[in-house]
Protein backbone atom coordinates (compact mmCIF):
# COMPACT_ATOMS: atom_id res chain seq x y z
CA LEU A 1 0.01 0.01 0.06
CA GLN A 2 2.74 2.44 0.98
CA LEU A 3 4.50 1.64 -2.38
CA THR A 4 1.26 2.29 -4.27
CA HIS A 5 0.86 5.56 -2.45
CA PHE A 6 4.31 6.68 -3.34
CA CYS A 7 4.04 5.73 -6.89
CA ASN A 8 0.64 7.55 -7.27
CA MET A 9 2.09 10.63 -5.61
CA ALA A 10 5.13 10.53 -7.86
CA ALA A 11 2.80 10.26 -10.81
CA LYS A 12 0.89 13.40 -9.71
CA ALA A 13 4.17 15.04 -9.12
CA LYS A 14 5.07 14.36 -12.82
CA LYS A 15 1.95 16.01 -13.97
CA GLY A 16 2.36 18.92 -11.59
CA LYS A 17 -1.05 18.13 -9.89
CA HIS A 18 0.34 17.14 -6.38
CA GLY A 19 -1.61 19.88 -4.44
CA GLY A 20 1.57 20.36 -2.13
CA GLN A 21 3.96 23.17 -1.71
CA ILE A 22 7.13 23.57 -3.47
CA VAL A 23 10.43 24.41 -1.67
CA LYS A 24 13.12 25.32 -4.07
CA TYR A 25 16.76 25.17 -3.27
CA THR A 26 19.72 26.79 -5.64
CA SER A 27 23.46 26.24 -5.28
CA GLY A 28 25.56 27.32 -8.09
CA LYS A 29 24.20 25.71 -11.31
CA HIS A 30 22.36 23.14 -9.27
CA LYS A 31 18.45 23.40 -8.67
CA PHE A 32 16.60 21.31 -6.32
CA GLU A 33 12.91 20.86 -5.52
CA VAL A 34 10.98 18.93 -2.81
CA ILE A 35 7.09 18.77 -2.46
CA ALA A 36 5.70 19.46 1.09
CA LYS A 37 2.18 19.00 2.53
CA GLN A 38 0.23 22.28 2.54
CA GLY A 39 0.97 24.38 5.49
CA THR A 40 3.62 22.15 6.95
CA VAL A 41 6.89 23.77 6.24
CA LEU A 42 6.22 26.95 8.27
CA LYS A 43 4.94 24.79 11.25
CA TYR A 44 8.22 22.68 11.00
CA ARG A 45 10.33 25.55 10.94
CA ASP A 46 8.56 27.24 13.80
CA GLY A 47 9.31 23.75 15.79
CA ASN A 48 5.40 22.87 16.05
CA LEU A 49 5.74 19.80 13.60
CA GLY A 50 8.13 16.90 13.13
CA PHE A 51 9.98 16.41 9.78
CA ALA A 52 8.43 13.00 9.33
CA ASN A 53 5.13 14.76 8.57
CA VAL A 54 6.36 17.39 6.39
CA LEU A 55 7.11 15.78 2.83
CA MET A 56 4.29 14.81 0.33
CA VAL A 57 6.91 12.89 -1.59
CA ASP A 58 10.08 11.39 -0.27
CA ASN A 59 12.05 12.42 -3.19
CA ILE A 60 14.02 15.28 -4.63
CA PHE A 61 13.28 16.79 -8.09
CA THR A 62 15.16 19.14 -10.38
CA ASN A 63 11.85 20.09 -11.80
CA SER A 64 8.74 18.97 -10.06
CA THR A 65 6.39 19.91 -12.51
CA ARG A 66 8.14 17.65 -15.15
CA GLY A 67 8.81 15.02 -12.43
CA ASP A 68 12.56 15.10 -13.14
CA ILE A 69 14.44 13.44 -10.36
CA ALA A 70 17.78 14.74 -8.93
CA ASN A 71 21.01 12.74 -9.49
CA PRO A 72 22.56 11.42 -6.28
CA SER A 73 25.95 12.71 -7.47
CA ASP A 74 24.82 16.11 -7.74
CA LEU A 75 23.21 15.78 -4.29
CA ASN A 76 26.55 14.70 -2.74
CA GLU A 77 28.41 17.50 -4.54
CA VAL A 78 26.00 20.34 -2.91
CA PHE A 79 25.28 18.54 0.48
CA GLY A 80 28.00 16.28 0.98
CA THR A 81 25.80 13.35 1.12
CA GLU A 82 23.61 11.12 -1.12
CA ASP A 83 21.32 10.52 2.08
CA LEU A 84 17.93 11.48 0.70
CA MET A 85 16.25 12.46 3.83
CA LYS A 86 19.25 14.61 4.98
CA CYS A 87 19.20 16.44 1.75
CA CYS A 88 15.45 16.98 1.92
CA GLU A 89 15.73 18.26 5.49
CA GLU A 90 18.51 20.58 4.23
CA ILE A 91 16.27 21.83 1.54
CA VAL A 92 13.27 22.47 3.70
CA ASN A 93 15.28 24.28 6.30
CA LYS A 94 16.99 26.57 3.98
CA GLY A 95 15.22 26.58 0.59
CA GLN A 96 12.69 29.07 -0.70
CA LEU A 97 9.15 28.11 0.07
CA GLN A 98 6.22 28.95 -2.39
CA TYR A 99 3.46 30.19 -0.06
CA THR A 100 -0.10 29.18 -0.14
CA ALA A 101 -2.90 31.86 -0.60
CA GLN A 102 -3.82 31.69 2.94
CA GLU A 103 -0.16 32.04 4.26
CA ARG A 104 0.48 35.13 1.78
CA LYS A 105 -2.80 36.79 3.38
CA ALA A 106 -1.60 36.14 6.85
CA PHE A 107 1.84 37.75 5.96
CA VAL A 108 0.00 40.71 4.32
CA ASP A 109 -2.22 41.21 7.40
CA ALA A 110 0.57 40.99 9.66
CA LYS A 111 2.53 43.60 7.68
CA THR A 112 -0.54 45.78 7.43
CA ASN A 113 -0.95 45.68 11.13
CA GLU A 114 2.68 46.79 11.56
CA ILE A 115 2.19 49.62 9.19
CA VAL A 116 -1.01 50.82 11.12
CA TYR A 117 0.99 50.55 14.38
CA TYR A 118 3.71 52.62 13.02
CA ILE A 119 1.38 55.53 11.63
CA ASN A 120 -0.48 55.55 14.89
CA LYS A 121 2.85 55.62 16.89
CA ASN A 122 4.46 58.22 14.80
CA TYR A 123 1.84 60.66 13.55
CA VAL A 124 -1.14 62.65 15.24
CA ASP A 125 -3.97 64.65 13.94
CA PRO A 126 -2.82 68.22 13.90
CA LYS A 127 -6.21 69.38 15.02
CA THR A 128 -6.40 67.32 18.28
CA LYS A 129 -2.80 66.67 18.61
CA LEU A 130 -3.68 62.98 19.27
CA PRO A 131 -2.98 60.00 17.17
CA HIS A 132 -5.67 58.74 14.76
CA PRO A 133 -7.47 55.48 16.06
CA SER A 134 -5.95 52.21 14.51
CA ASP A 135 -9.40 51.24 13.02
CA ARG A 136 -9.62 54.65 11.29
CA ILE A 137 -6.11 54.40 9.77
CA SER A 138 -6.98 50.81 8.61
CA ASN A 139 -10.31 51.80 7.06
CA CYS A 140 -8.64 54.83 5.26
CA MET A 141 -5.88 52.55 3.88
CA LYS A 142 -8.65 50.26 2.40
CA GLU A 143 -10.56 53.28 0.88
CA CYS A 144 -7.50 54.51 -0.75
CA HIS A 145 -6.69 51.14 -2.01
CA ILE A 146 -3.02 50.99 -0.61
CA ARG A 147 -1.28 47.97 -1.43
CA VAL A 148 0.77 46.19 1.27
CA ASP A 149 3.79 44.20 0.28
CA ALA A 150 4.71 41.61 3.10
CA ASN A 151 8.32 41.69 2.09
CA LYS A 152 9.13 45.48 2.00
CA ASP A 153 10.14 47.75 4.73
CA THR A 154 7.41 48.77 7.24
CA LYS A 155 8.41 52.26 7.64
CA ARG A 156 8.79 53.22 4.03
CA GLN A 157 5.37 51.72 3.32
CA ALA A 158 3.83 53.59 6.40
CA GLU A 159 5.27 56.81 5.22
CA ASP A 160 4.15 56.26 1.50
CA ALA A 161 0.50 55.33 2.92
CA VAL A 162 0.50 58.55 4.89
CA LYS A 163 1.14 60.58 1.72
CA LYS A 164 -1.66 58.70 -0.05
CA MET A 165 -4.17 59.04 2.77
CA ARG A 166 -3.61 63.08 3.14
CA GLY A 167 -6.85 64.59 2.11
CA LYS A 168 -9.15 62.06 3.67
CA LEU A 169 -7.05 62.23 7.02
CA MET A 170 -4.78 64.90 8.14
CA PHE A 171 -1.36 63.93 9.49
CA ALA A 172 1.52 65.67 11.36
CA LYS A 173 4.61 64.19 12.82
CA ALA A 174 4.34 63.17 16.35
CA VAL A 175 6.71 64.91 18.69
CA SER A 176 8.98 62.70 20.51
CA LEU A 177 8.91 62.99 24.35
CA ARG A 178 11.75 62.24 26.68
CA ALA A 179 11.26 60.83 30.20
CA LYS A 180 12.77 59.11 33.10
CA LEU A 181 10.99 55.95 34.09
CA THR A 182 11.95 54.42 37.60
CA ILE A 183 10.97 50.94 38.31
CA LYS A 184 11.48 49.16 41.70
CA HIS A 185 13.92 46.20 41.69
CA ALA A 186 10.77 44.10 42.47
CA TYR A 187 9.27 44.68 39.40
CA VAL A 188 12.16 45.30 36.92
CA GLY A 189 12.18 41.48 35.73
CA GLN A 190 8.48 41.72 34.68
CA CYS A 191 8.69 45.10 33.19
CA THR A 192 12.07 45.49 31.21
CA ASN A 193 10.52 43.70 28.08
CA LEU A 194 7.34 45.82 28.13
CA VAL A 195 9.46 49.08 28.34
CA HIS A 196 11.81 48.08 25.52
CA LYS A 197 8.80 47.00 23.39
CA ILE A 198 6.89 50.06 23.75
CA ALA A 199 9.58 52.88 23.99
CA ASN A 200 12.94 53.69 22.69
CA VAL A 201 15.25 53.09 25.47
CA ILE A 202 18.33 55.50 25.38
CA LYS A 203 19.91 54.11 28.67
CA GLU A 204 19.41 52.13 31.80
CA ASP A 205 20.84 53.28 35.19
CA TRP A 206 20.84 51.04 38.28
CA THR A 207 20.19 52.61 41.64
CA GLY A 208 19.61 51.54 45.15
CA GLU A 209 15.80 51.93 44.37
CA GLY A 210 15.71 50.05 41.17
CA CYS A 211 16.36 50.66 37.45
CA VAL A 212 15.86 54.20 35.84
CA PHE A 213 15.10 54.04 32.13
CA THR A 214 15.78 57.11 29.97
CA LEU A 215 13.08 56.73 27.24
CA GLU A 216 11.99 58.60 24.11
CA LEU A 217 8.41 58.02 23.34
CA SER A 218 5.24 59.62 21.71
CA LYS A 219 2.03 60.51 23.46
CA ALA A 220 0.57 57.38 22.18
CA ASP A 221 3.33 55.32 23.63
CA ILE A 222 2.75 57.00 27.11
CA ASN A 223 -0.65 55.71 27.29
CA THR A 224 0.20 52.35 25.98
CA LEU A 225 3.06 52.07 28.60
CA THR A 226 0.79 53.27 31.41
CA VAL A 227 -1.65 50.48 30.67
CA ALA A 228 1.17 47.80 30.24
CA LEU A 229 3.02 48.79 33.60
CA ALA A 230 -0.34 48.92 35.66
CA LYS A 231 -0.70 45.10 36.34
CA PRO A 232 2.92 43.98 36.97
CA THR A 233 3.80 47.21 39.23
CA ASN A 234 0.17 48.03 40.71
CA GLY A 235 1.04 51.58 39.65
CA ASP A 236 4.18 51.66 41.79
CA TYR A 237 6.61 53.40 39.47
CA ASN A 238 7.54 56.93 38.68
CA MET A 239 7.58 58.75 35.19
CA THR A 240 9.24 62.21 34.95
CA PHE A 241 9.24 64.07 31.66
CA LEU A 242 12.41 65.85 30.52
CA ASP A 243 13.11 69.01 28.59
CA GLU A 244 15.89 69.49 25.85
CA ASN A 245 18.54 69.91 28.60
CA GLU A 246 17.50 66.79 30.33
CA LEU A 247 15.99 68.45 33.26
CA SER A 248 12.69 67.47 34.74
CA VAL A 249 9.50 69.41 33.67
CA GLY A 250 6.99 67.37 35.21
CA SER A 251 5.63 63.92 36.06
CA GLN A 252 2.55 61.63 35.31
CA ASN A 253 1.10 62.71 38.41
CA ASP A 254 0.79 66.41 37.49
CA ASP A 255 -2.77 65.91 36.17
CA SER A 256 -3.85 64.52 39.62
CA SER A 257 -1.97 67.23 41.41
CA ASP A 258 -3.84 69.88 39.30
CA LYS A 259 -7.19 68.13 40.13
CA HIS A 260 -6.42 68.11 43.87
CA GLY A 261 -5.33 71.81 43.51
CA LYS A 262 -8.51 72.88 41.91
CA GLY A 263 -10.39 70.72 44.46
CA LYS A 264 -8.79 72.83 47.18
CA LYS A 265 -9.61 75.94 45.59
CA LYS A 266 -13.27 75.15 45.10
CA LYS A 267 -13.50 74.12 48.78
CA LYS A 268 -11.79 77.54 49.79
CA LYS A 269 -14.47 79.35 47.70
CA ARG A 270 -17.34 77.23 49.31
CA ASP A 271 -15.90 77.88 52.76
CA LYS A 272 -15.63 81.79 52.06
CA LYS A 273 -19.34 81.79 50.69
CA ASN A 274 -20.52 79.90 53.74
CA LYS A 275 -18.74 82.25 55.92
CA LYS A 276 -20.23 85.35 54.09
CA GLN A 277 -23.72 84.00 54.46
CA LYS A 278 -23.16 83.30 58.23
CA TYR A 279 -22.25 86.96 58.69
CA VAL A 280 -25.46 88.02 56.81
CA GLN A 281 -27.59 85.72 58.89
CA GLU A 282 -26.04 87.02 62.09
CA ALA A 283 -26.52 90.69 60.96
CA LYS A 284 -30.17 89.88 60.31
CA GLU A 285 -30.68 88.47 63.78
CA ASN A 286 -28.92 91.46 65.49
CA ASP A 287 -31.42 93.77 63.65
CA ASN A 288 -34.33 91.81 64.85
CA ASP A 289 -33.21 91.88 68.28
CA ASN A 290 -32.82 95.69 68.02
CA ASP A 291 -36.19 96.17 66.67
CA ASN A 292 -37.61 94.00 69.67
CA GLU A 293 -36.12 96.40 72.09
């Protein structure tokens, strides 16, 4: 049965109707191809599948469409062995995979998300001074029929997309902010990767209190970082913003301080009003007493 199956698959390979994925390997004048089962190569390369489950046909071709089998001496010249499985594994590991439509779509979707994230992080609406929401950017890209290439640079494609979307959306370069973020020793292990992922870390200084990160980040990054740090630190960290001379100009707690300050002012105003009303009431009572006399 196994021999019959192999013969049937080999016959299909000769007709180019195997339904698998081709992996091509080129070395000098030599070109080799293997036929893998749909979707198995990427799973194998990611360590999620054993090599025994990858190949559709246990053979190596010079042209799988025509069914031309590779010469063992050529395999030995390129791979240093005629062992078919060792050669196949080398081809699958290092060869060029012809992706399925589903895989190509997944790569394009991932690249599109990278582009949207880059725009959200590096551009703002000049009217509101805030980043456009990711959904708005994504929808505008679709309206403008912006083509995404999964193999091209994210930054360049994002900047080209911004140019094409101008008119439908307004964009201005986000101003980078500098800040010092102090995280206590107890939380550094959980937070270091988060900080590096969200912000551009200029340097790290270790103190008796913990680690002081000097960061460069956008307004959007500040919100993202605040949310990311909330759980591992329970809000027990300090972020101070810096001016161009690296001097502190404010902290994340400034807003709450302002609120407390405004609250104190309102309370003082209420107390003053109540005091005035008390004086008026006392004056009225004194007038009544004088009339009675």
